[in-house]
Amino acid sequence: MTISRCMATFFAALSFCPLAAHAADFTVTSRAFASGQVQPAQFSDIMGCTGQNLSPDIHWSNAPEGTRSFVVTIYDKDAPTGSGWWHWVVVDLPADATSLPAGAGNGKGKAEMPEGARMTPTDMGAPGFLGACPPEGPEHDYTITVKALGIDRLPVPDNATPAMVGFVSNMNALATATISAKGKR
């Protein structure tokens, strides 16, 4: 394949990408991550940590036109596993949702999950929020990601791995917004 043919194919593929127009406006915030540090309440209450295992509040705005659902994840890229650690995975949040209250991931919040939303397993092997609990040493980077999707329901089983959710949601994402905070013992 010639270079000009490769370029033509690349630009043709870009024309099908709906991200460019609205992705910069799509944002996520969290009072729990606002200082840039994971708050004590968001640390785990198992594996040697003494937090409250409280999922953080998460708010998003300016989703792109055509958004039909959202996926929310919390991920620690610095976990010493070779592949990071998924702390929370929520799929099928309806298009009219704009937030998750603190505690929504483990029944400690003031409100339940929006109707239709599902939590799939984390790297702990079960659905629900698992707070930060890094080993002693350097800070870890915890990232909240909200993906706006162009489909109503993510076509994954209830026991889907975080990697499967990531793959399928990336294939259907209209825009992605992230916020990170550092945490250490």
C-alpha atoms as a PDB file:
ATOM      1  CA  MET A   1       0.000   0.000   0.000  1.00  0.00           C
ATOM      2  CA  THR A   2       1.405   3.384  -0.958  1.00  0.00           C
ATOM      3  CA  ILE A   3       1.863   6.208   1.520  1.00  0.00           C
ATOM      4  CA  SER A   4      -0.801   8.317  -0.194  1.00  0.00           C
ATOM      5  CA  ARG A   5      -3.255   5.418  -0.027  1.00  0.00           C
ATOM      6  CA  CYS A   6      -2.472   4.943   3.695  1.00  0.00           C
ATOM      7  CA  MET A   7      -3.041   8.653   4.298  1.00  0.00           C
ATOM      8  CA  ALA A   8      -6.347   8.567   2.404  1.00  0.00           C
ATOM      9  CA  THR A   9      -7.485   5.574   4.468  1.00  0.00           C
ATOM     10  CA  PHE A  10      -6.432   7.301   7.699  1.00  0.00           C
ATOM     11  CA  PHE A  11      -8.320  10.508   6.913  1.00  0.00           C
ATOM     12  CA  ALA A  12     -11.369   8.558   5.777  1.00  0.00           C
ATOM     13  CA  ALA A  13     -11.371   6.704   9.110  1.00  0.00           C
ATOM     14  CA  LEU A  14     -11.098  10.013  10.973  1.00  0.00           C
ATOM     15  CA  SER A  15     -14.248  11.256   9.289  1.00  0.00           C
ATOM     16  CA  PHE A  16     -16.178   8.606  11.208  1.00  0.00           C
ATOM     17  CA  CYS A  17     -14.813   9.712  14.596  1.00  0.00           C
ATOM     18  CA  PRO A  18     -17.382  11.792  16.494  1.00  0.00           C
ATOM     19  CA  LEU A  19     -14.923  12.693  19.294  1.00  0.00           C
ATOM     20  CA  ALA A  20     -13.289  15.767  17.872  1.00  0.00           C
ATOM     21  CA  ALA A  21     -16.177  18.222  18.023  1.00  0.00           C
ATOM     22  CA  HIS A  22     -17.109  17.952  21.698  1.00  0.00           C
ATOM     23  CA  ALA A  23     -14.466  15.992  23.578  1.00  0.00           C
ATOM     24  CA  ALA A  24     -12.695  19.102  24.920  1.00  0.00           C
ATOM     25  CA  ASP A  25     -15.888  20.322  26.648  1.00  0.00           C
ATOM     26  CA  PHE A  26     -16.630  17.027  28.418  1.00  0.00           C
ATOM     27  CA  THR A  27     -15.320  17.222  32.001  1.00  0.00           C
ATOM     28  CA  VAL A  28     -15.351  15.232  35.240  1.00  0.00           C
ATOM     29  CA  THR A  29     -14.881  16.566  38.771  1.00  0.00           C
ATOM     30  CA  SER A  30     -14.861  15.110  42.282  1.00  0.00           C
ATOM     31  CA  ARG A  31     -14.719  16.916  45.610  1.00  0.00           C
ATOM     32  CA  ALA A  32     -12.817  13.892  46.943  1.00  0.00           C
ATOM     33  CA  PHE A  33     -10.100  14.366  44.284  1.00  0.00           C
ATOM     34  CA  ALA A  34     -10.148  18.195  44.167  1.00  0.00           C
ATOM     35  CA  SER A  35      -7.010  18.632  46.284  1.00  0.00           C
ATOM     36  CA  GLY A  36      -5.064  16.231  44.083  1.00  0.00           C
ATOM     37  CA  GLN A  37      -4.830  13.765  46.984  1.00  0.00           C
ATOM     38  CA  VAL A  38      -7.019  10.727  47.640  1.00  0.00           C
ATOM     39  CA  GLN A  39      -8.927  11.451  50.849  1.00  0.00           C
ATOM     40  CA  PRO A  40      -8.676   9.076  53.858  1.00  0.00           C
ATOM     41  CA  ALA A  41     -12.319   7.979  53.418  1.00  0.00           C
ATOM     42  CA  GLN A  42     -11.521   6.644  49.930  1.00  0.00           C
ATOM     43  CA  PHE A  43      -8.885   4.241  51.251  1.00  0.00           C
ATOM     44  CA  SER A  44      -9.800   0.596  51.720  1.00  0.00           C
ATOM     45  CA  ASP A  45     -10.741  -0.895  55.069  1.00  0.00           C
ATOM     46  CA  ILE A  46      -9.045  -4.233  54.241  1.00  0.00           C
ATOM     47  CA  MET A  47      -5.574  -5.485  53.229  1.00  0.00           C
ATOM     48  CA  GLY A  48      -3.906  -3.483  56.002  1.00  0.00           C
ATOM     49  CA  CYS A  49      -5.522  -0.132  55.211  1.00  0.00           C
ATOM     50  CA  THR A  50      -7.780   1.711  57.650  1.00  0.00           C
ATOM     51  CA  GLY A  51      -9.975   3.931  55.452  1.00  0.00           C
ATOM     52  CA  GLN A  52     -13.764   3.892  55.118  1.00  0.00           C
ATOM     53  CA  ASN A  53     -13.801   2.271  51.644  1.00  0.00           C
ATOM     54  CA  LEU A  54     -16.136   5.056  50.510  1.00  0.00           C
ATOM     55  CA  SER A  55     -16.435   5.549  46.773  1.00  0.00           C
ATOM     56  CA  PRO A  56     -15.836   9.197  45.834  1.00  0.00           C
ATOM     57  CA  ASP A  57     -18.455  11.597  44.525  1.00  0.00           C
ATOM     58  CA  ILE A  58     -18.142  11.943  40.749  1.00  0.00           C
ATOM     59  CA  HIS A  59     -19.747  14.673  38.617  1.00  0.00           C
ATOM     60  CA  TRP A  60     -19.569  15.085  34.837  1.00  0.00           C
ATOM     61  CA  SER A  61     -20.843  17.714  32.434  1.00  0.00           C
ATOM     62  CA  ASN A  62     -20.997  18.742  28.790  1.00  0.00           C
ATOM     63  CA  ALA A  63     -21.369  15.260  27.353  1.00  0.00           C
ATOM     64  CA  PRO A  64     -21.309  15.318  23.562  1.00  0.00           C
ATOM     65  CA  GLU A  65     -24.445  15.239  21.468  1.00  0.00           C
ATOM     66  CA  GLY A  66     -25.538  11.683  20.808  1.00  0.00           C
ATOM     67  CA  THR A  67     -24.516  10.382  24.253  1.00  0.00           C
ATOM     68  CA  ARG A  68     -26.779   7.480  25.185  1.00  0.00           C
ATOM     69  CA  SER A  69     -24.987   6.113  28.280  1.00  0.00           C
ATOM     70  CA  PHE A  70     -21.856   6.428  30.422  1.00  0.00           C
ATOM     71  CA  VAL A  71     -19.166   4.182  31.894  1.00  0.00           C
ATOM     72  CA  VAL A  72     -17.288   5.233  35.048  1.00  0.00           C
ATOM     73  CA  THR A  73     -14.056   3.618  36.230  1.00  0.00           C
ATOM     74  CA  ILE A  74     -11.383   4.192  38.858  1.00  0.00           C
ATOM     75  CA  TYR A  75      -7.941   2.807  38.028  1.00  0.00           C
ATOM     76  CA  ASP A  76      -4.500   2.741  39.699  1.00  0.00           C
ATOM     77  CA  LYS A  77      -1.862   2.517  36.970  1.00  0.00           C
ATOM     78  CA  ASP A  78       0.918   2.254  39.569  1.00  0.00           C
ATOM     79  CA  ALA A  79      -0.270  -0.922  41.317  1.00  0.00           C
ATOM     80  CA  PRO A  80       2.606  -3.430  41.335  1.00  0.00           C
ATOM     81  CA  THR A  81       0.765  -6.021  39.244  1.00  0.00           C
ATOM     82  CA  GLY A  82       2.185  -5.435  35.787  1.00  0.00           C
ATOM     83  CA  SER A  83      -1.258  -4.291  34.645  1.00  0.00           C
ATOM     84  CA  GLY A  84      -2.439  -1.781  37.256  1.00  0.00           C
ATOM     85  CA  TRP A  85      -5.544  -2.226  39.433  1.00  0.00           C
ATOM     86  CA  TRP A  86      -9.217  -1.503  38.680  1.00  0.00           C
ATOM     87  CA  HIS A  87     -10.954  -0.180  41.815  1.00  0.00           C
ATOM     88  CA  TRP A  88     -14.436   0.461  40.395  1.00  0.00           C
ATOM     89  CA  VAL A  89     -16.288  -0.239  37.164  1.00  0.00           C
ATOM     90  CA  VAL A  90     -19.822   1.084  36.529  1.00  0.00           C
ATOM     91  CA  VAL A  91     -21.567   0.570  33.183  1.00  0.00           C
ATOM     92  CA  ASP A  92     -24.938   1.470  31.673  1.00  0.00           C
ATOM     93  CA  LEU A  93     -25.339   4.785  33.469  1.00  0.00           C
ATOM     94  CA  PRO A  94     -28.237   6.466  31.628  1.00  0.00           C
ATOM     95  CA  ALA A  95     -27.693   9.457  29.351  1.00  0.00           C
ATOM     96  CA  ASP A  96     -29.467  11.816  31.772  1.00  0.00           C
ATOM     97  CA  ALA A  97     -27.110  10.901  34.663  1.00  0.00           C
ATOM     98  CA  THR A  98     -24.569  13.566  35.610  1.00  0.00           C
ATOM     99  CA  SER A  99     -23.144  12.256  38.872  1.00  0.00           C
ATOM    100  CA  LEU A 100     -22.620   9.469  41.364  1.00  0.00           C
ATOM    101  CA  PRO A 101     -22.807  10.403  45.057  1.00  0.00           C
ATOM    102  CA  ALA A 102     -20.093   9.482  47.536  1.00  0.00           C
ATOM    103  CA  GLY A 103     -20.659   5.935  48.721  1.00  0.00           C
ATOM    104  CA  ALA A 104     -22.695   4.842  45.689  1.00  0.00           C
ATOM    105  CA  GLY A 105     -20.194   2.070  44.978  1.00  0.00           C
ATOM    106  CA  ASN A 106     -20.665   0.238  48.247  1.00  0.00           C
ATOM    107  CA  GLY A 107     -24.075   1.100  49.650  1.00  0.00           C
ATOM    108  CA  LYS A 108     -22.718   3.821  51.953  1.00  0.00           C
ATOM    109  CA  GLY A 109     -24.087   6.718  49.902  1.00  0.00           C
ATOM    110  CA  LYS A 110     -27.249   8.761  50.248  1.00  0.00           C
ATOM    111  CA  ALA A 111     -28.617   7.489  46.960  1.00  0.00           C
ATOM    112  CA  GLU A 112     -28.605   4.304  44.993  1.00  0.00           C
ATOM    113  CA  MET A 113     -27.128   3.896  41.552  1.00  0.00           C
ATOM    114  CA  PRO A 114     -29.239   5.349  38.744  1.00  0.00           C
ATOM    115  CA  GLU A 115     -31.789   2.902  37.398  1.00  0.00           C
ATOM    116  CA  GLY A 116     -30.259   0.504  34.910  1.00  0.00           C
ATOM    117  CA  ALA A 117     -26.651   1.064  35.985  1.00  0.00           C
ATOM    118  CA  ARG A 118     -24.535  -2.012  36.711  1.00  0.00           C
ATOM    119  CA  MET A 119     -21.286  -2.502  38.593  1.00  0.00           C
ATOM    120  CA  THR A 120     -19.063  -5.157  37.051  1.00  0.00           C
ATOM    121  CA  PRO A 121     -16.186  -6.892  38.855  1.00  0.00           C
ATOM    122  CA  THR A 122     -13.051  -5.001  39.827  1.00  0.00           C
ATOM    123  CA  ASP A 123      -9.647  -6.631  40.052  1.00  0.00           C
ATOM    124  CA  MET A 124     -10.783  -7.978  43.419  1.00  0.00           C
ATOM    125  CA  GLY A 125     -13.134 -10.265  41.456  1.00  0.00           C
ATOM    126  CA  ALA A 126     -16.424  -8.805  42.672  1.00  0.00           C
ATOM    127  CA  PRO A 127     -18.556  -5.808  41.715  1.00  0.00           C
ATOM    128  CA  GLY A 128     -18.489  -2.685  43.870  1.00  0.00           C
ATOM    129  CA  PHE A 129     -15.948  -0.108  44.935  1.00  0.00           C
ATOM    130  CA  LEU A 130     -12.644  -1.130  46.495  1.00  0.00           C
ATOM    131  CA  GLY A 131     -10.721   1.776  48.011  1.00  0.00           C
ATOM    132  CA  ALA A 132      -7.070   2.611  47.578  1.00  0.00           C
ATOM    133  CA  CYS A 133      -4.568   0.508  49.477  1.00  0.00           C
ATOM    134  CA  PRO A 134      -1.146   0.855  47.878  1.00  0.00           C
ATOM    135  CA  PRO A 135       1.857  -0.888  49.366  1.00  0.00           C
ATOM    136  CA  GLU A 136       4.185   1.226  51.489  1.00  0.00           C
ATOM    137  CA  GLY A 137       6.320   3.434  49.291  1.00  0.00           C
ATOM    138  CA  PRO A 138       5.773   5.932  46.503  1.00  0.00           C
ATOM    139  CA  GLU A 139       2.475   7.624  45.725  1.00  0.00           C
ATOM    140  CA  HIS A 140       0.101   5.968  43.313  1.00  0.00           C
ATOM    141  CA  ASP A 141      -1.957   7.773  40.678  1.00  0.00           C
ATOM    142  CA  TYR A 142      -5.712   7.037  40.901  1.00  0.00           C
ATOM    143  CA  THR A 143      -7.711   8.062  37.847  1.00  0.00           C
ATOM    144  CA  ILE A 144     -11.458   8.512  37.563  1.00  0.00           C
ATOM    145  CA  THR A 145     -12.585   8.139  33.956  1.00  0.00           C
ATOM    146  CA  VAL A 146     -16.044   8.858  32.573  1.00  0.00           C
ATOM    147  CA  LYS A 147     -16.758   7.750  29.013  1.00  0.00           C
ATOM    148  CA  ALA A 148     -19.746   9.059  27.080  1.00  0.00           C
ATOM    149  CA  LEU A 149     -21.011   6.274  24.828  1.00  0.00           C
ATOM    150  CA  GLY A 150     -23.145   6.263  21.705  1.00  0.00           C
ATOM    151  CA  ILE A 151     -25.019   3.117  22.812  1.00  0.00           C
ATOM    152  CA  ASP A 152     -27.708   2.584  25.473  1.00  0.00           C
ATOM    153  CA  ARG A 153     -26.264  -0.542  27.065  1.00  0.00           C
ATOM    154  CA  LEU A 154     -22.726  -1.899  27.031  1.00  0.00           C
ATOM    155  CA  PRO A 155     -22.909  -5.385  25.481  1.00  0.00           C
ATOM    156  CA  VAL A 156     -20.890  -7.178  28.170  1.00  0.00           C
ATOM    157  CA  PRO A 157     -21.984  -9.791  30.707  1.00  0.00           C
ATOM    158  CA  ASP A 158     -22.453  -8.889  34.368  1.00  0.00           C
ATOM    159  CA  ASN A 159     -19.185 -10.694  35.183  1.00  0.00           C
ATOM    160  CA  ALA A 160     -17.139  -8.877  32.507  1.00  0.00           C
ATOM    161  CA  THR A 161     -13.545  -8.151  33.433  1.00  0.00           C
ATOM    162  CA  PRO A 162     -12.386  -4.529  33.601  1.00  0.00           C
ATOM    163  CA  ALA A 163     -10.303  -5.171  30.465  1.00  0.00           C
ATOM    164  CA  MET A 164     -13.378  -6.339  28.544  1.00  0.00           C
ATOM    165  CA  VAL A 165     -15.370  -3.303  29.729  1.00  0.00           C
ATOM    166  CA  GLY A 166     -12.489  -1.059  28.668  1.00  0.00           C
ATOM    167  CA  PHE A 167     -12.237  -2.624  25.225  1.00  0.00           C
ATOM    168  CA  VAL A 168     -15.962  -2.517  24.450  1.00  0.00           C
ATOM    169  CA  SER A 169     -16.471   0.957  25.928  1.00  0.00           C
ATOM    170  CA  ASN A 170     -13.489   2.354  23.999  1.00  0.00           C
ATOM    171  CA  MET A 171     -15.024   1.010  20.789  1.00  0.00           C
ATOM    172  CA  ASN A 172     -18.251   2.933  21.539  1.00  0.00           C
ATOM    173  CA  ALA A 173     -16.870   6.105  23.179  1.00  0.00           C
ATOM    174  CA  LEU A 174     -17.888   9.529  21.925  1.00  0.00           C
ATOM    175  CA  ALA A 175     -15.723  11.324  24.505  1.00  0.00           C
ATOM    176  CA  THR A 176     -13.649  10.599  27.599  1.00  0.00           C
ATOM    177  CA  ALA A 177     -13.021  12.790  30.655  1.00  0.00           C
ATOM    178  CA  THR A 178     -10.546  12.060  33.466  1.00  0.00           C
ATOM    179  CA  ILE A 179      -9.379  13.411  36.807  1.00  0.00           C
ATOM    180  CA  SER A 180      -6.566  11.997  38.939  1.00  0.00           C
ATOM    181  CA  ALA A 181      -5.388  12.160  42.517  1.00  0.00           C
ATOM    182  CA  LYS A 182      -2.342  10.770  44.293  1.00  0.00           C
ATOM    183  CA  GLY A 183      -2.452   8.454  47.279  1.00  0.00           C
ATOM    184  CA  LYS A 184       0.014   6.624  49.490  1.00  0.00           C
ATOM    185  CA  ARG A 185       0.152   4.970  52.882  1.00  0.00           C
END
